[in-house]
Amino acid sequence: MIRANLPLAGLFAAGLLLQASSPPATAAESYDNCTAFITSLPAVINKQGTWCLNKDLGTAISSGSAIDIQANNVTLDCNNFKIGGAGGGDDTRAFGINAVGRSNTTVRNCSVRGFFYGLNLDTDRTTLFQDVEVRQALLYAL
């Protein structure tokens, strides 16, 4: 994040506009807990375990789900990488992450961008979100 100690009026008078930005994605400290990796989208998770990203992923789907969790006892750890759906365009009806009727689902360290629905997690009370960001969702973030 960029921080400035100048008065806001001074920034505008000088013609400068500083915007806060996220630092570039970096690799996870460790992938030791990962059961499997998601390497392309769309992806289906049909086995329990910890599923990880090790790079930014994008898709141009306009329907369906970028990541569809179809098993119980799943952790999706994006390791601070992005799941992008802007390629689906302004008419997309795609989900970023979808998990319906699942139990013990955790989604963490994810940035989900450019989908109609960022997250569709219609699960039981054992759902955990940790450090999840949704941007540019066309209708619903969650």
C-alpha atoms as a PDB file:
ATOM      1  CA  MET A   1       0.000   0.000   0.000  1.00  0.00           C
ATOM      2  CA  ILE A   2       1.274   3.444  -0.842  1.00  0.00           C
ATOM      3  CA  ARG A   3       1.075   5.968   1.954  1.00  0.00           C
ATOM      4  CA  ALA A   4       1.751   9.668   1.651  1.00  0.00           C
ATOM      5  CA  ASN A   5       2.213  12.194   4.431  1.00  0.00           C
ATOM      6  CA  LEU A   6       1.244  15.142   2.218  1.00  0.00           C
ATOM      7  CA  PRO A   7      -2.079  16.922   2.670  1.00  0.00           C
ATOM      8  CA  LEU A   8      -4.679  15.687   0.183  1.00  0.00           C
ATOM      9  CA  ALA A   9      -5.191  19.204  -1.220  1.00  0.00           C
ATOM     10  CA  GLY A  10      -1.461  19.407  -1.935  1.00  0.00           C
ATOM     11  CA  LEU A  11      -1.591  16.195  -3.942  1.00  0.00           C
ATOM     12  CA  PHE A  12      -4.425  17.469  -6.117  1.00  0.00           C
ATOM     13  CA  ALA A  13      -2.751  20.880  -6.540  1.00  0.00           C
ATOM     14  CA  ALA A  14       0.406  19.157  -7.739  1.00  0.00           C
ATOM     15  CA  GLY A  15      -1.643  17.035 -10.141  1.00  0.00           C
ATOM     16  CA  LEU A  16      -0.711  13.836  -8.368  1.00  0.00           C
ATOM     17  CA  LEU A  17      -3.109  11.112  -7.397  1.00  0.00           C
ATOM     18  CA  LEU A  18      -1.688   8.235  -5.418  1.00  0.00           C
ATOM     19  CA  GLN A  19      -3.786   5.098  -5.332  1.00  0.00           C
ATOM     20  CA  ALA A  20      -3.464   2.267  -2.880  1.00  0.00           C
ATOM     21  CA  SER A  21      -2.460  -0.883  -4.667  1.00  0.00           C
ATOM     22  CA  SER A  22      -1.911  -4.442  -3.651  1.00  0.00           C
ATOM     23  CA  PRO A  23       1.643  -5.690  -3.629  1.00  0.00           C
ATOM     24  CA  PRO A  24       2.472  -8.225  -6.326  1.00  0.00           C
ATOM     25  CA  ALA A  25       1.499 -11.802  -5.519  1.00  0.00           C
ATOM     26  CA  THR A  26       4.231 -13.824  -3.943  1.00  0.00           C
ATOM     27  CA  ALA A  27       4.602 -17.520  -3.435  1.00  0.00           C
ATOM     28  CA  ALA A  28       3.284 -19.128  -0.293  1.00  0.00           C
ATOM     29  CA  GLU A  29       5.676 -19.679   2.555  1.00  0.00           C
ATOM     30  CA  SER A  30       5.118 -23.403   2.110  1.00  0.00           C
ATOM     31  CA  TYR A  31       2.989 -25.713   0.020  1.00  0.00           C
ATOM     32  CA  ASP A  32       3.498 -28.596   2.460  1.00  0.00           C
ATOM     33  CA  ASN A  33      -0.206 -28.822   3.385  1.00  0.00           C
ATOM     34  CA  CYS A  34      -1.401 -28.950  -0.226  1.00  0.00           C
ATOM     35  CA  THR A  35      -3.060 -32.196  -1.310  1.00  0.00           C
ATOM     36  CA  ALA A  36      -3.337 -31.057  -4.937  1.00  0.00           C
ATOM     37  CA  PHE A  37      -2.919 -27.973  -7.102  1.00  0.00           C
ATOM     38  CA  ILE A  38      -5.362 -26.205  -9.376  1.00  0.00           C
ATOM     39  CA  THR A  39      -3.355 -25.341 -12.487  1.00  0.00           C
ATOM     40  CA  SER A  40      -6.074 -24.198 -14.910  1.00  0.00           C
ATOM     41  CA  LEU A  41      -9.668 -23.030 -14.947  1.00  0.00           C
ATOM     42  CA  PRO A  42     -12.395 -24.166 -14.915  1.00  0.00           C
ATOM     43  CA  ALA A  43     -11.590 -26.744 -12.237  1.00  0.00           C
ATOM     44  CA  VAL A  44     -13.628 -29.253 -10.239  1.00  0.00           C
ATOM     45  CA  ILE A  45     -12.630 -30.282  -6.721  1.00  0.00           C
ATOM     46  CA  ASN A  46     -14.146 -33.721  -6.176  1.00  0.00           C
ATOM     47  CA  LYS A  47     -11.903 -35.056  -3.403  1.00  0.00           C
ATOM     48  CA  GLN A  48     -11.387 -33.830   0.134  1.00  0.00           C
ATOM     49  CA  GLY A  49      -8.124 -32.184   1.071  1.00  0.00           C
ATOM     50  CA  THR A  50      -6.303 -28.898   0.716  1.00  0.00           C
ATOM     51  CA  TRP A  51      -6.315 -27.626  -2.848  1.00  0.00           C
ATOM     52  CA  CYS A  52      -3.886 -24.838  -3.659  1.00  0.00           C
ATOM     53  CA  LEU A  53      -3.023 -22.285  -6.297  1.00  0.00           C
ATOM     54  CA  ASN A  54       0.613 -21.546  -7.074  1.00  0.00           C
ATOM     55  CA  LYS A  55      -0.024 -18.837  -9.684  1.00  0.00           C
ATOM     56  CA  ASP A  56      -2.714 -16.398 -10.845  1.00  0.00           C
ATOM     57  CA  LEU A  57      -5.403 -18.128 -12.918  1.00  0.00           C
ATOM     58  CA  GLY A  58      -7.962 -16.721 -15.322  1.00  0.00           C
ATOM     59  CA  THR A  59     -10.808 -17.922 -17.475  1.00  0.00           C
ATOM     60  CA  ALA A  60     -13.124 -16.580 -20.177  1.00  0.00           C
ATOM     61  CA  ILE A  61     -16.120 -18.752 -19.252  1.00  0.00           C
ATOM     62  CA  SER A  62     -19.459 -16.956 -19.310  1.00  0.00           C
ATOM     63  CA  SER A  63     -21.417 -19.608 -17.387  1.00  0.00           C
ATOM     64  CA  GLY A  64     -20.633 -22.354 -14.909  1.00  0.00           C
ATOM     65  CA  SER A  65     -17.947 -22.079 -12.245  1.00  0.00           C
ATOM     66  CA  ALA A  66     -14.264 -21.268 -12.364  1.00  0.00           C
ATOM     67  CA  ILE A  67     -13.787 -23.529  -9.320  1.00  0.00           C
ATOM     68  CA  ASP A  68     -16.591 -25.926  -8.414  1.00  0.00           C
ATOM     69  CA  ILE A  69     -16.186 -27.614  -5.026  1.00  0.00           C
ATOM     70  CA  GLN A  70     -18.068 -30.915  -5.193  1.00  0.00           C
ATOM     71  CA  ALA A  71     -16.711 -32.630  -2.078  1.00  0.00           C
ATOM     72  CA  ASN A  72     -16.912 -32.196   1.687  1.00  0.00           C
ATOM     73  CA  ASN A  73     -13.903 -31.434   3.892  1.00  0.00           C
ATOM     74  CA  VAL A  74     -12.203 -29.165   1.353  1.00  0.00           C
ATOM     75  CA  THR A  75      -9.849 -26.271   1.914  1.00  0.00           C
ATOM     76  CA  LEU A  76      -9.155 -24.010  -1.049  1.00  0.00           C
ATOM     77  CA  ASP A  77      -5.997 -22.004  -0.371  1.00  0.00           C
ATOM     78  CA  CYS A  78      -5.227 -19.529  -3.140  1.00  0.00           C
ATOM     79  CA  ASN A  79      -1.972 -18.518  -1.447  1.00  0.00           C
ATOM     80  CA  ASN A  80      -2.735 -14.866  -2.269  1.00  0.00           C
ATOM     81  CA  PHE A  81      -3.066 -15.548  -5.992  1.00  0.00           C
ATOM     82  CA  LYS A  82      -5.985 -14.332  -8.127  1.00  0.00           C
ATOM     83  CA  ILE A  83      -8.864 -16.149  -9.784  1.00  0.00           C
ATOM     84  CA  GLY A  84      -9.911 -13.936 -12.692  1.00  0.00           C
ATOM     85  CA  GLY A  85     -13.047 -14.061 -14.797  1.00  0.00           C
ATOM     86  CA  ALA A  86     -12.991 -10.764 -16.679  1.00  0.00           C
ATOM     87  CA  GLY A  87     -12.523 -12.680 -19.941  1.00  0.00           C
ATOM     88  CA  GLY A  88     -16.177 -13.752 -19.675  1.00  0.00           C
ATOM     89  CA  GLY A  89     -17.241 -10.193 -20.489  1.00  0.00           C
ATOM     90  CA  ASP A  90     -20.014  -7.990 -19.196  1.00  0.00           C
ATOM     91  CA  ASP A  91     -22.716 -10.591 -19.920  1.00  0.00           C
ATOM     92  CA  THR A  92     -21.099 -13.352 -17.875  1.00  0.00           C
ATOM     93  CA  ARG A  93     -23.217 -15.412 -15.502  1.00  0.00           C
ATOM     94  CA  ALA A  94     -20.249 -17.407 -14.193  1.00  0.00           C
ATOM     95  CA  PHE A  95     -19.376 -18.113 -10.570  1.00  0.00           C
ATOM     96  CA  GLY A  96     -15.854 -17.573  -9.265  1.00  0.00           C
ATOM     97  CA  ILE A  97     -15.991 -20.235  -6.540  1.00  0.00           C
ATOM     98  CA  ASN A  98     -19.047 -22.459  -6.159  1.00  0.00           C
ATOM     99  CA  ALA A  99     -19.778 -24.918  -3.332  1.00  0.00           C
ATOM    100  CA  VAL A 100     -23.399 -25.944  -2.808  1.00  0.00           C
ATOM    101  CA  GLY A 101     -24.531 -28.444  -0.178  1.00  0.00           C
ATOM    102  CA  ARG A 102     -21.033 -29.080   1.158  1.00  0.00           C
ATOM    103  CA  SER A 103     -19.788 -29.262   4.721  1.00  0.00           C
ATOM    104  CA  ASN A 104     -16.495 -28.297   6.285  1.00  0.00           C
ATOM    105  CA  THR A 105     -15.456 -25.923   3.484  1.00  0.00           C
ATOM    106  CA  THR A 106     -12.668 -23.370   3.941  1.00  0.00           C
ATOM    107  CA  VAL A 107     -11.692 -20.724   1.399  1.00  0.00           C
ATOM    108  CA  ARG A 108      -8.647 -18.643   2.252  1.00  0.00           C
ATOM    109  CA  ASN A 109      -6.118 -16.223   0.847  1.00  0.00           C
ATOM    110  CA  CYS A 110      -8.104 -15.694  -2.370  1.00  0.00           C
ATOM    111  CA  SER A 111      -8.712 -12.720  -4.625  1.00  0.00           C
ATOM    112  CA  VAL A 112     -11.699 -13.396  -6.901  1.00  0.00           C
ATOM    113  CA  ARG A 113     -12.317 -10.911  -9.719  1.00  0.00           C
ATOM    114  CA  GLY A 114     -14.642 -10.309 -12.627  1.00  0.00           C
ATOM    115  CA  PHE A 115     -17.413 -12.885 -12.193  1.00  0.00           C
ATOM    116  CA  PHE A 116     -21.189 -12.468 -12.021  1.00  0.00           C
ATOM    117  CA  TYR A 117     -21.109 -14.124  -8.575  1.00  0.00           C
ATOM    118  CA  GLY A 118     -17.796 -13.938  -6.767  1.00  0.00           C
ATOM    119  CA  LEU A 119     -18.566 -16.726  -4.305  1.00  0.00           C
ATOM    120  CA  ASN A 120     -21.575 -19.027  -4.135  1.00  0.00           C
ATOM    121  CA  LEU A 121     -21.024 -20.993  -0.964  1.00  0.00           C
ATOM    122  CA  ASP A 122     -24.371 -22.419   0.089  1.00  0.00           C
ATOM    123  CA  THR A 123     -22.953 -24.763   2.682  1.00  0.00           C
ATOM    124  CA  ASP A 124     -23.632 -25.679   6.289  1.00  0.00           C
ATOM    125  CA  ARG A 125     -22.355 -23.766   9.301  1.00  0.00           C
ATOM    126  CA  THR A 126     -18.838 -25.145   8.990  1.00  0.00           C
ATOM    127  CA  THR A 127     -17.838 -22.753   6.204  1.00  0.00           C
ATOM    128  CA  LEU A 128     -14.838 -20.542   6.900  1.00  0.00           C
ATOM    129  CA  PHE A 129     -13.626 -17.550   4.888  1.00  0.00           C
ATOM    130  CA  GLN A 130     -10.210 -16.208   5.702  1.00  0.00           C
ATOM    131  CA  ASP A 131      -8.559 -13.305   3.863  1.00  0.00           C
ATOM    132  CA  VAL A 132     -10.880 -13.503   0.841  1.00  0.00           C
ATOM    133  CA  GLU A 133     -11.338 -10.521  -1.449  1.00  0.00           C
ATOM    134  CA  VAL A 134     -13.975 -10.197  -4.173  1.00  0.00           C
ATOM    135  CA  ARG A 135     -13.665  -7.415  -6.754  1.00  0.00           C
ATOM    136  CA  GLN A 136     -15.638  -6.459  -9.829  1.00  0.00           C
ATOM    137  CA  ALA A 137     -18.471  -8.920  -9.183  1.00  0.00           C
ATOM    138  CA  LEU A 138     -21.249  -8.013 -11.604  1.00  0.00           C
ATOM    139  CA  LEU A 139     -24.075  -8.944  -9.233  1.00  0.00           C
ATOM    140  CA  TYR A 140     -23.060 -10.579  -5.948  1.00  0.00           C
ATOM    141  CA  ALA A 141     -19.785 -10.812  -4.107  1.00  0.00           C
ATOM    142  CA  LEU A 142     -21.067 -13.529  -1.795  1.00  0.00           C
END
